Amino acid sequence: MLNTSDQDGQAGHPTIYQIRVKSHLGRQWTDRFEELSITLEADGTTLLTGPVVDQAALYGILRKVRDLGLVLLAVNLVGAGPQDASDN
């Protein structure tokens, strides 16, 4: 499910992830996922998108999803964050 690359996990170089959860999240969730943008999709799901510094940070976000009782639908690596662009 997780697609790791050479770019992921480099110190100080975030990778962009999209995390899809079931149902729409209300405004009260923005504080819980402050590092991620929250997009309500037409299909009734919510897409959390943003930079993740390393695998530990990703697992921390996934732990929040679990602890809040949200249904996790997908985790996708989108690509390197802006800081990685000069490394390619």
PDB file of N, CA and C in Angstrom:
ATOM      1  N   MET A   1       0.828  -1.192   0.000  1.00  0.00           N
ATOM      2  CA  MET A   1       0.000   0.000   0.000  1.00  0.00           C
ATOM      3  C   MET A   1       0.870   1.252   0.000  1.00  0.00           C
ATOM      4  N   LEU A   2       1.947   1.239   0.765  1.00  0.00           N
ATOM      5  CA  LEU A   2       2.837   2.384   0.790  1.00  0.00           C
ATOM      6  C   LEU A   2       3.901   2.213  -0.275  1.00  0.00           C
ATOM      7  N   ASN A   3       4.131   3.257  -1.028  1.00  0.00           N
ATOM      8  CA  ASN A   3       5.146   3.235  -2.067  1.00  0.00           C
ATOM      9  C   ASN A   3       6.269   4.150  -1.622  1.00  0.00           C
ATOM     10  N   THR A   4       7.387   3.570  -1.223  1.00  0.00           N
ATOM     11  CA  THR A   4       8.502   4.402  -0.792  1.00  0.00           C
ATOM     12  C   THR A   4       9.473   4.553  -1.937  1.00  0.00           C
ATOM     13  N   SER A   5      10.192   5.656  -1.958  1.00  0.00           N
ATOM     14  CA  SER A   5      11.176   5.912  -3.000  1.00  0.00           C
ATOM     15  C   SER A   5      12.446   6.422  -2.354  1.00  0.00           C
ATOM     16  N   ASP A   6      13.465   6.606  -3.156  1.00  0.00           N
ATOM     17  CA  ASP A   6      14.722   7.133  -2.636  1.00  0.00           C
ATOM     18  C   ASP A   6      14.533   8.521  -2.036  1.00  0.00           C
ATOM     19  N   GLN A   7      13.547   9.268  -2.539  1.00  0.00           N
ATOM     20  CA  GLN A   7      13.313  10.626  -2.047  1.00  0.00           C
ATOM     21  C   GLN A   7      12.713  10.602  -0.662  1.00  0.00           C
ATOM     22  N   ASP A   8      11.928   9.575  -0.371  1.00  0.00           N
ATOM     23  CA  ASP A   8      11.239   9.511   0.913  1.00  0.00           C
ATOM     24  C   ASP A   8      12.225   9.159   2.014  1.00  0.00           C
ATOM     25  N   GLY A   9      12.141   9.874   3.107  1.00  0.00           N
ATOM     26  CA  GLY A   9      12.970   9.566   4.253  1.00  0.00           C
ATOM     27  C   GLY A   9      14.280  10.322   4.302  1.00  0.00           C
ATOM     28  N   GLN A  10      14.579  11.150   3.302  1.00  0.00           N
ATOM     29  CA  GLN A  10      15.795  11.945   3.373  1.00  0.00           C
ATOM     30  C   GLN A  10      15.554  13.076   4.358  1.00  0.00           C
ATOM     31  N   ALA A  11      16.514  13.291   5.226  1.00  0.00           N
ATOM     32  CA  ALA A  11      16.364  14.296   6.282  1.00  0.00           C
ATOM     33  C   ALA A  11      16.031  15.664   5.695  1.00  0.00           C
ATOM     34  N   GLY A  12      14.957  16.265   6.192  1.00  0.00           N
ATOM     35  CA  GLY A  12      14.581  17.611   5.777  1.00  0.00           C
ATOM     36  C   GLY A  12      13.938  17.699   4.412  1.00  0.00           C
ATOM     37  N   HIS A  13      13.664  16.595   3.783  1.00  0.00           N
ATOM     38  CA  HIS A  13      13.077  16.596   2.451  1.00  0.00           C
ATOM     39  C   HIS A  13      11.724  15.897   2.487  1.00  0.00           C
ATOM     40  N   PRO A  14      10.646  16.648   2.630  1.00  0.00           N
ATOM     41  CA  PRO A  14       9.335  16.010   2.720  1.00  0.00           C
ATOM     42  C   PRO A  14       8.884  15.428   1.387  1.00  0.00           C
ATOM     43  N   THR A  15       8.042  14.430   1.470  1.00  0.00           N
ATOM     44  CA  THR A  15       7.401  13.826   0.317  1.00  0.00           C
ATOM     45  C   THR A  15       5.911  14.095   0.457  1.00  0.00           C
ATOM     46  N   ILE A  16       5.237  14.335  -0.652  1.00  0.00           N
ATOM     47  CA  ILE A  16       3.813  14.643  -0.625  1.00  0.00           C
ATOM     48  C   ILE A  16       3.013  13.334  -0.630  1.00  0.00           C
ATOM     49  N   TYR A  17       2.100  13.218   0.331  1.00  0.00           N
ATOM     50  CA  TYR A  17       1.219  12.062   0.424  1.00  0.00           C
ATOM     51  C   TYR A  17      -0.228  12.508   0.339  1.00  0.00           C
ATOM     52  N   GLN A  18      -1.080  11.613  -0.170  1.00  0.00           N
ATOM     53  CA  GLN A  18      -2.529  11.777  -0.112  1.00  0.00           C
ATOM     54  C   GLN A  18      -3.079  10.614   0.699  1.00  0.00           C
ATOM     55  N   ILE A  19      -3.890  10.945   1.678  1.00  0.00           N
ATOM     56  CA  ILE A  19      -4.514   9.945   2.544  1.00  0.00           C
ATOM     57  C   ILE A  19      -6.014  10.124   2.428  1.00  0.00           C
ATOM     58  N   ARG A  20      -6.686   9.078   1.957  1.00  0.00           N
ATOM     59  CA  ARG A  20      -8.143   9.151   1.762  1.00  0.00           C
ATOM     60  C   ARG A  20      -8.845   8.412   2.897  1.00  0.00           C
ATOM     61  N   VAL A  21      -9.833   9.098   3.491  1.00  0.00           N
ATOM     62  CA  VAL A  21     -10.643   8.494   4.550  1.00  0.00           C
ATOM     63  C   VAL A  21     -12.118   8.550   4.151  1.00  0.00           C
ATOM     64  N   LYS A  22     -12.878   7.629   4.725  1.00  0.00           N
ATOM     65  CA  LYS A  22     -14.307   7.546   4.433  1.00  0.00           C
ATOM     66  C   LYS A  22     -15.034   8.696   5.121  1.00  0.00           C
ATOM     67  N   SER A  23     -15.999   9.257   4.453  1.00  0.00           N
ATOM     68  CA  SER A  23     -16.879  10.339   4.901  1.00  0.00           C
ATOM     69  C   SER A  23     -16.201  11.701   4.864  1.00  0.00           C
ATOM     70  N   HIS A  24     -17.012  12.715   4.949  1.00  0.00           N
ATOM     71  CA  HIS A  24     -16.510  14.089   4.956  1.00  0.00           C
ATOM     72  C   HIS A  24     -16.156  14.498   6.383  1.00  0.00           C
ATOM     73  N   LEU A  25     -15.013  15.155   6.526  1.00  0.00           N
ATOM     74  CA  LEU A  25     -14.591  15.666   7.827  1.00  0.00           C
ATOM     75  C   LEU A  25     -15.021  17.120   7.945  1.00  0.00           C
ATOM     76  N   GLY A  26     -15.479  17.500   9.115  1.00  0.00           N
ATOM     77  CA  GLY A  26     -15.888  18.875   9.367  1.00  0.00           C
ATOM     78  C   GLY A  26     -14.697  19.771   9.688  1.00  0.00           C
ATOM     79  N   ARG A  27     -14.968  21.054   9.869  1.00  0.00           N
ATOM     80  CA  ARG A  27     -13.916  22.041  10.160  1.00  0.00           C
ATOM     81  C   ARG A  27     -13.143  21.724  11.431  1.00  0.00           C
ATOM     82  N   GLN A  28     -13.771  21.054  12.378  1.00  0.00           N
ATOM     83  CA  GLN A  28     -13.112  20.755  13.646  1.00  0.00           C
ATOM     84  C   GLN A  28     -11.888  19.852  13.457  1.00  0.00           C
ATOM     85  N   TRP A  29     -11.771  19.196  12.324  1.00  0.00           N
ATOM     86  CA  TRP A  29     -10.658  18.281  12.084  1.00  0.00           C
ATOM     87  C   TRP A  29      -9.391  19.006  11.618  1.00  0.00           C
ATOM     88  N   THR A  30      -9.493  20.259  11.214  1.00  0.00           N
ATOM     89  CA  THR A  30      -8.319  20.963  10.695  1.00  0.00           C
ATOM     90  C   THR A  30      -7.215  21.092  11.746  1.00  0.00           C
ATOM     91  N   ASP A  31      -7.584  21.225  13.017  1.00  0.00           N
ATOM     92  CA  ASP A  31      -6.572  21.300  14.067  1.00  0.00           C
ATOM     93  C   ASP A  31      -5.829  19.980  14.231  1.00  0.00           C
ATOM     94  N   ARG A  32      -6.519  18.876  14.033  1.00  0.00           N
ATOM     95  CA  ARG A  32      -5.897  17.554  14.171  1.00  0.00           C
ATOM     96  C   ARG A  32      -4.924  17.246  13.040  1.00  0.00           C
ATOM     97  N   PHE A  33      -5.215  17.793  11.866  1.00  0.00           N
ATOM     98  CA  PHE A  33      -4.390  17.518  10.683  1.00  0.00           C
ATOM     99  C   PHE A  33      -3.841  18.825  10.116  1.00  0.00           C
ATOM    100  N   GLU A  34      -3.305  19.657  10.998  1.00  0.00           N
ATOM    101  CA  GLU A  34      -2.885  21.010  10.604  1.00  0.00           C
ATOM    102  C   GLU A  34      -1.827  21.028   9.506  1.00  0.00           C
ATOM    103  N   GLU A  35      -1.005  19.996   9.417  1.00  0.00           N
ATOM    104  CA  GLU A  35       0.039  19.963   8.399  1.00  0.00           C
ATOM    105  C   GLU A  35      -0.485  19.544   7.026  1.00  0.00           C
ATOM    106  N   LEU A  36      -1.738  19.108   6.961  1.00  0.00           N
ATOM    107  CA  LEU A  36      -2.315  18.597   5.722  1.00  0.00           C
ATOM    108  C   LEU A  36      -3.503  19.441   5.285  1.00  0.00           C
ATOM    109  N   SER A  37      -3.690  19.542   3.975  1.00  0.00           N
ATOM    110  CA  SER A  37      -4.899  20.195   3.475  1.00  0.00           C
ATOM    111  C   SER A  37      -6.018  19.159   3.451  1.00  0.00           C
ATOM    112  N   ILE A  38      -7.229  19.608   3.715  1.00  0.00           N
ATOM    113  CA  ILE A  38      -8.390  18.727   3.761  1.00  0.00           C
ATOM    114  C   ILE A  38      -9.307  19.089   2.605  1.00  0.00           C
ATOM    115  N   THR A  39      -9.550  18.100   1.734  1.00  0.00           N
ATOM    116  CA  THR A  39     -10.414  18.304   0.574  1.00  0.00           C
ATOM    117  C   THR A  39     -11.580  17.337   0.655  1.00  0.00           C
ATOM    118  N   LEU A  40     -12.794  17.888   0.630  1.00  0.00           N
ATOM    119  CA  LEU A  40     -13.994  17.060   0.635  1.00  0.00           C
ATOM    120  C   LEU A  40     -14.301  16.670  -0.809  1.00  0.00           C
ATOM    121  N   GLU A  41     -14.319  15.385  -1.092  1.00  0.00           N
ATOM    122  CA  GLU A  41     -14.523  14.877  -2.445  1.00  0.00           C
ATOM    123  C   GLU A  41     -16.010  14.641  -2.724  1.00  0.00           C
ATOM    124  N   ALA A  42     -16.389  14.691  -3.988  1.00  0.00           N
ATOM    125  CA  ALA A  42     -17.784  14.506  -4.391  1.00  0.00           C
ATOM    126  C   ALA A  42     -18.311  13.112  -4.061  1.00  0.00           C
ATOM    127  N   ASP A  43     -17.413  12.143  -3.954  1.00  0.00           N
ATOM    128  CA  ASP A  43     -17.841  10.764  -3.670  1.00  0.00           C
ATOM    129  C   ASP A  43     -18.092  10.513  -2.179  1.00  0.00           C
ATOM    130  N   GLY A  44     -18.002  11.564  -1.367  1.00  0.00           N
ATOM    131  CA  GLY A  44     -18.280  11.436   0.059  1.00  0.00           C
ATOM    132  C   GLY A  44     -17.061  11.123   0.901  1.00  0.00           C
ATOM    133  N   THR A  45     -15.879  11.076   0.296  1.00  0.00           N
ATOM    134  CA  THR A  45     -14.649  10.823   1.041  1.00  0.00           C
ATOM    135  C   THR A  45     -13.916  12.133   1.290  1.00  0.00           C
ATOM    136  N   THR A  46     -12.891  12.068   2.133  1.00  0.00           N
ATOM    137  CA  THR A  46     -12.044  13.225   2.412  1.00  0.00           C
ATOM    138  C   THR A  46     -10.623  12.877   2.036  1.00  0.00           C
ATOM    139  N   LEU A  47      -9.951  13.809   1.381  1.00  0.00           N
ATOM    140  CA  LEU A  47      -8.574  13.633   0.968  1.00  0.00           C
ATOM    141  C   LEU A  47      -7.692  14.557   1.802  1.00  0.00           C
ATOM    142  N   LEU A  48      -6.754  13.974   2.530  1.00  0.00           N
ATOM    143  CA  LEU A  48      -5.763  14.726   3.303  1.00  0.00           C
ATOM    144  C   LEU A  48      -4.484  14.730   2.481  1.00  0.00           C
ATOM    145  N   THR A  49      -3.974  15.899   2.145  1.00  0.00           N
ATOM    146  CA  THR A  49      -2.809  16.003   1.273  1.00  0.00           C
ATOM    147  C   THR A  49      -1.779  16.936   1.884  1.00  0.00           C
ATOM    148  N   GLY A  50      -0.510  16.520   1.815  1.00  0.00           N
ATOM    149  CA  GLY A  50       0.533  17.405   2.301  1.00  0.00           C
ATOM    150  C   GLY A  50       1.868  16.731   2.433  1.00  0.00           C
ATOM    151  N   PRO A  51       2.866  17.536   2.809  1.00  0.00           N
ATOM    152  CA  PRO A  51       4.227  17.018   2.945  1.00  0.00           C
ATOM    153  C   PRO A  51       4.399  16.199   4.219  1.00  0.00           C
ATOM    154  N   VAL A  52       5.143  15.119   4.086  1.00  0.00           N
ATOM    155  CA  VAL A  52       5.466  14.256   5.219  1.00  0.00           C
ATOM    156  C   VAL A  52       6.973  14.075   5.213  1.00  0.00           C
ATOM    157  N   VAL A  53       7.623  14.447   6.299  1.00  0.00           N
ATOM    158  CA  VAL A  53       9.087  14.472   6.367  1.00  0.00           C
ATOM    159  C   VAL A  53       9.709  13.085   6.255  1.00  0.00           C
ATOM    160  N   ASP A  54       9.111  12.099   6.939  1.00  0.00           N
ATOM    161  CA  ASP A  54       9.695  10.757   6.920  1.00  0.00           C
ATOM    162  C   ASP A  54       8.634   9.729   7.288  1.00  0.00           C
ATOM    163  N   GLN A  55       9.018   8.458   7.290  1.00  0.00           N
ATOM    164  CA  GLN A  55       8.079   7.389   7.592  1.00  0.00           C
ATOM    165  C   GLN A  55       7.502   7.508   8.997  1.00  0.00           C
ATOM    166  N   ALA A  56       8.302   7.941   9.955  1.00  0.00           N
ATOM    167  CA  ALA A  56       7.803   8.108  11.324  1.00  0.00           C
ATOM    168  C   ALA A  56       6.663   9.126  11.362  1.00  0.00           C
ATOM    169  N   ALA A  57       6.806  10.213  10.624  1.00  0.00           N
ATOM    170  CA  ALA A  57       5.750  11.226  10.569  1.00  0.00           C
ATOM    171  C   ALA A  57       4.508  10.672   9.883  1.00  0.00           C
ATOM    172  N   LEU A  58       4.702   9.877   8.834  1.00  0.00           N
ATOM    173  CA  LEU A  58       3.573   9.256   8.150  1.00  0.00           C
ATOM    174  C   LEU A  58       2.818   8.336   9.097  1.00  0.00           C
ATOM    175  N   TYR A  59       3.541   7.506   9.819  1.00  0.00           N
ATOM    176  CA  TYR A  59       2.895   6.613  10.775  1.00  0.00           C
ATOM    177  C   TYR A  59       2.179   7.398  11.878  1.00  0.00           C
ATOM    178  N   GLY A  60       2.705   8.550  12.254  1.00  0.00           N
ATOM    179  CA  GLY A  60       2.034   9.400  13.236  1.00  0.00           C
ATOM    180  C   GLY A  60       0.689   9.890  12.724  1.00  0.00           C
ATOM    181  N   ILE A  61       0.643  10.273  11.454  1.00  0.00           N
ATOM    182  CA  ILE A  61      -0.620  10.721  10.853  1.00  0.00           C
ATOM    183  C   ILE A  61      -1.601   9.552  10.791  1.00  0.00           C
ATOM    184  N   LEU A  62      -1.103   8.392  10.374  1.00  0.00           N
ATOM    185  CA  LEU A  62      -1.971   7.215  10.290  1.00  0.00           C
ATOM    186  C   LEU A  62      -2.480   6.800  11.667  1.00  0.00           C
ATOM    187  N   ARG A  63      -1.666   7.007  12.694  1.00  0.00           N
ATOM    188  CA  ARG A  63      -2.095   6.723  14.062  1.00  0.00           C
ATOM    189  C   ARG A  63      -3.241   7.656  14.464  1.00  0.00           C
ATOM    190  N   LYS A  64      -3.152   8.935  14.057  1.00  0.00           N
ATOM    191  CA  LYS A  64      -4.243   9.884  14.330  1.00  0.00           C
ATOM    192  C   LYS A  64      -5.534   9.401  13.670  1.00  0.00           C
ATOM    193  N   VAL A  65      -5.423   8.982  12.410  1.00  0.00           N
ATOM    194  CA  VAL A  65      -6.593   8.484  11.685  1.00  0.00           C
ATOM    195  C   VAL A  65      -7.220   7.327  12.456  1.00  0.00           C
ATOM    196  N   ARG A  66      -6.395   6.387  12.881  1.00  0.00           N
ATOM    197  CA  ARG A  66      -6.879   5.226  13.638  1.00  0.00           C
ATOM    198  C   ARG A  66      -7.498   5.646  14.973  1.00  0.00           C
ATOM    199  N   ASP A  67      -6.778   6.465  15.728  1.00  0.00           N
ATOM    200  CA  ASP A  67      -7.233   6.866  17.061  1.00  0.00           C
ATOM    201  C   ASP A  67      -8.540   7.653  17.026  1.00  0.00           C
ATOM    202  N   LEU A  68      -8.781   8.361  15.930  1.00  0.00           N
ATOM    203  CA  LEU A  68     -10.013   9.135  15.793  1.00  0.00           C
ATOM    204  C   LEU A  68     -11.162   8.286  15.261  1.00  0.00           C
ATOM    205  N   GLY A  69     -10.878   7.023  14.970  1.00  0.00           N
ATOM    206  CA  GLY A  69     -11.918   6.112  14.500  1.00  0.00           C
ATOM    207  C   GLY A  69     -12.323   6.328  13.055  1.00  0.00           C
ATOM    208  N   LEU A  70     -11.456   6.980  12.272  1.00  0.00           N
ATOM    209  CA  LEU A  70     -11.756   7.204  10.863  1.00  0.00           C
ATOM    210  C   LEU A  70     -11.451   5.941  10.067  1.00  0.00           C
ATOM    211  N   VAL A  71     -12.187   5.730   8.991  1.00  0.00           N
ATOM    212  CA  VAL A  71     -11.958   4.575   8.134  1.00  0.00           C
ATOM    213  C   VAL A  71     -10.955   4.967   7.053  1.00  0.00           C
ATOM    214  N   LEU A  72      -9.783   4.340   7.090  1.00  0.00           N
ATOM    215  CA  LEU A  72      -8.722   4.608   6.121  1.00  0.00           C
ATOM    216  C   LEU A  72      -9.027   3.867   4.830  1.00  0.00           C
ATOM    217  N   LEU A  73      -9.047   4.592   3.710  1.00  0.00           N
ATOM    218  CA  LEU A  73      -9.324   3.982   2.417  1.00  0.00           C
ATOM    219  C   LEU A  73      -8.073   3.815   1.568  1.00  0.00           C
ATOM    220  N   ALA A  74      -7.149   4.785   1.626  1.00  0.00           N
ATOM    221  CA  ALA A  74      -5.959   4.700   0.781  1.00  0.00           C
ATOM    222  C   ALA A  74      -4.868   5.639   1.282  1.00  0.00           C
ATOM    223  N   VAL A  75      -3.627   5.243   1.011  1.00  0.00           N
ATOM    224  CA  VAL A  75      -2.460   6.087   1.258  1.00  0.00           C
ATOM    225  C   VAL A  75      -1.640   6.058  -0.026  1.00  0.00           C
ATOM    226  N   ASN A  76      -1.417   7.228  -0.613  1.00  0.00           N
ATOM    227  CA  ASN A  76      -0.683   7.305  -1.872  1.00  0.00           C
ATOM    228  C   ASN A  76       0.459   8.300  -1.791  1.00  0.00           C
ATOM    229  N   LEU A  77       1.612   7.891  -2.254  1.00  0.00           N
ATOM    230  CA  LEU A  77       2.742   8.787  -2.393  1.00  0.00           C
ATOM    231  C   LEU A  77       2.541   9.538  -3.705  1.00  0.00           C
ATOM    232  N   VAL A  78       2.461  10.862  -3.620  1.00  0.00           N
ATOM    233  CA  VAL A  78       2.201  11.674  -4.802  1.00  0.00           C
ATOM    234  C   VAL A  78       3.501  12.066  -5.471  1.00  0.00           C
ATOM    235  N   GLY A  79       4.496  12.460  -4.692  1.00  0.00           N
ATOM    236  CA  GLY A  79       5.773  12.859  -5.261  1.00  0.00           C
ATOM    237  C   GLY A  79       6.596  13.646  -4.276  1.00  0.00           C
ATOM    238  N   ALA A  80       7.716  14.088  -4.779  1.00  0.00           N
ATOM    239  CA  ALA A  80       8.646  14.851  -3.944  1.00  0.00           C
ATOM    240  C   ALA A  80       8.088  16.233  -3.682  1.00  0.00           C
ATOM    241  N   GLY A  81       8.376  16.732  -2.496  1.00  0.00           N
ATOM    242  CA  GLY A  81       7.999  18.090  -2.155  1.00  0.00           C
ATOM    243  C   GLY A  81       8.886  19.079  -2.891  1.00  0.00           C
ATOM    244  N   PRO A  82       8.603  20.364  -2.794  1.00  0.00           N
ATOM    245  CA  PRO A  82       9.344  21.402  -3.502  1.00  0.00           C
ATOM    246  C   PRO A  82      10.853  21.386  -3.209  1.00  0.00           C
ATOM    247  N   GLN A  83      11.244  21.012  -2.004  1.00  0.00           N
ATOM    248  CA  GLN A  83      12.658  21.014  -1.650  1.00  0.00           C
ATOM    249  C   GLN A  83      13.440  19.945  -2.411  1.00  0.00           C
ATOM    250  N   ASP A  84      12.753  18.854  -2.815  1.00  0.00           N
ATOM    251  CA  ASP A  84      13.431  17.774  -3.518  1.00  0.00           C
ATOM    252  C   ASP A  84      13.628  18.060  -4.993  1.00  0.00           C
ATOM    253  N   ALA A  85      12.929  19.029  -5.536  1.00  0.00           N
ATOM    254  CA  ALA A  85      12.996  19.286  -6.965  1.00  0.00           C
ATOM    255  C   ALA A  85      14.413  19.581  -7.434  1.00  0.00           C
ATOM    256  N   SER A  86      15.202  20.250  -6.638  1.00  0.00           N
ATOM    257  CA  SER A  86      16.566  20.589  -7.044  1.00  0.00           C
ATOM    258  C   SER A  86      17.509  19.397  -6.952  1.00  0.00           C
ATOM    259  N   ASP A  87      17.097  18.341  -6.234  1.00  0.00           N
ATOM    260  CA  ASP A  87      17.949  17.170  -6.082  1.00  0.00           C
ATOM    261  C   ASP A  87      17.858  16.224  -7.264  1.00  0.00           C
ATOM    262  N   ASN A  88      16.840  16.356  -8.107  1.00  0.00           N
ATOM    263  CA  ASN A  88      16.630  15.419  -9.216  1.00  0.00           C
ATOM    264  C   ASN A  88      17.463  15.747 -10.409  1.00  0.00           C
TER     265      ASN A  88
END
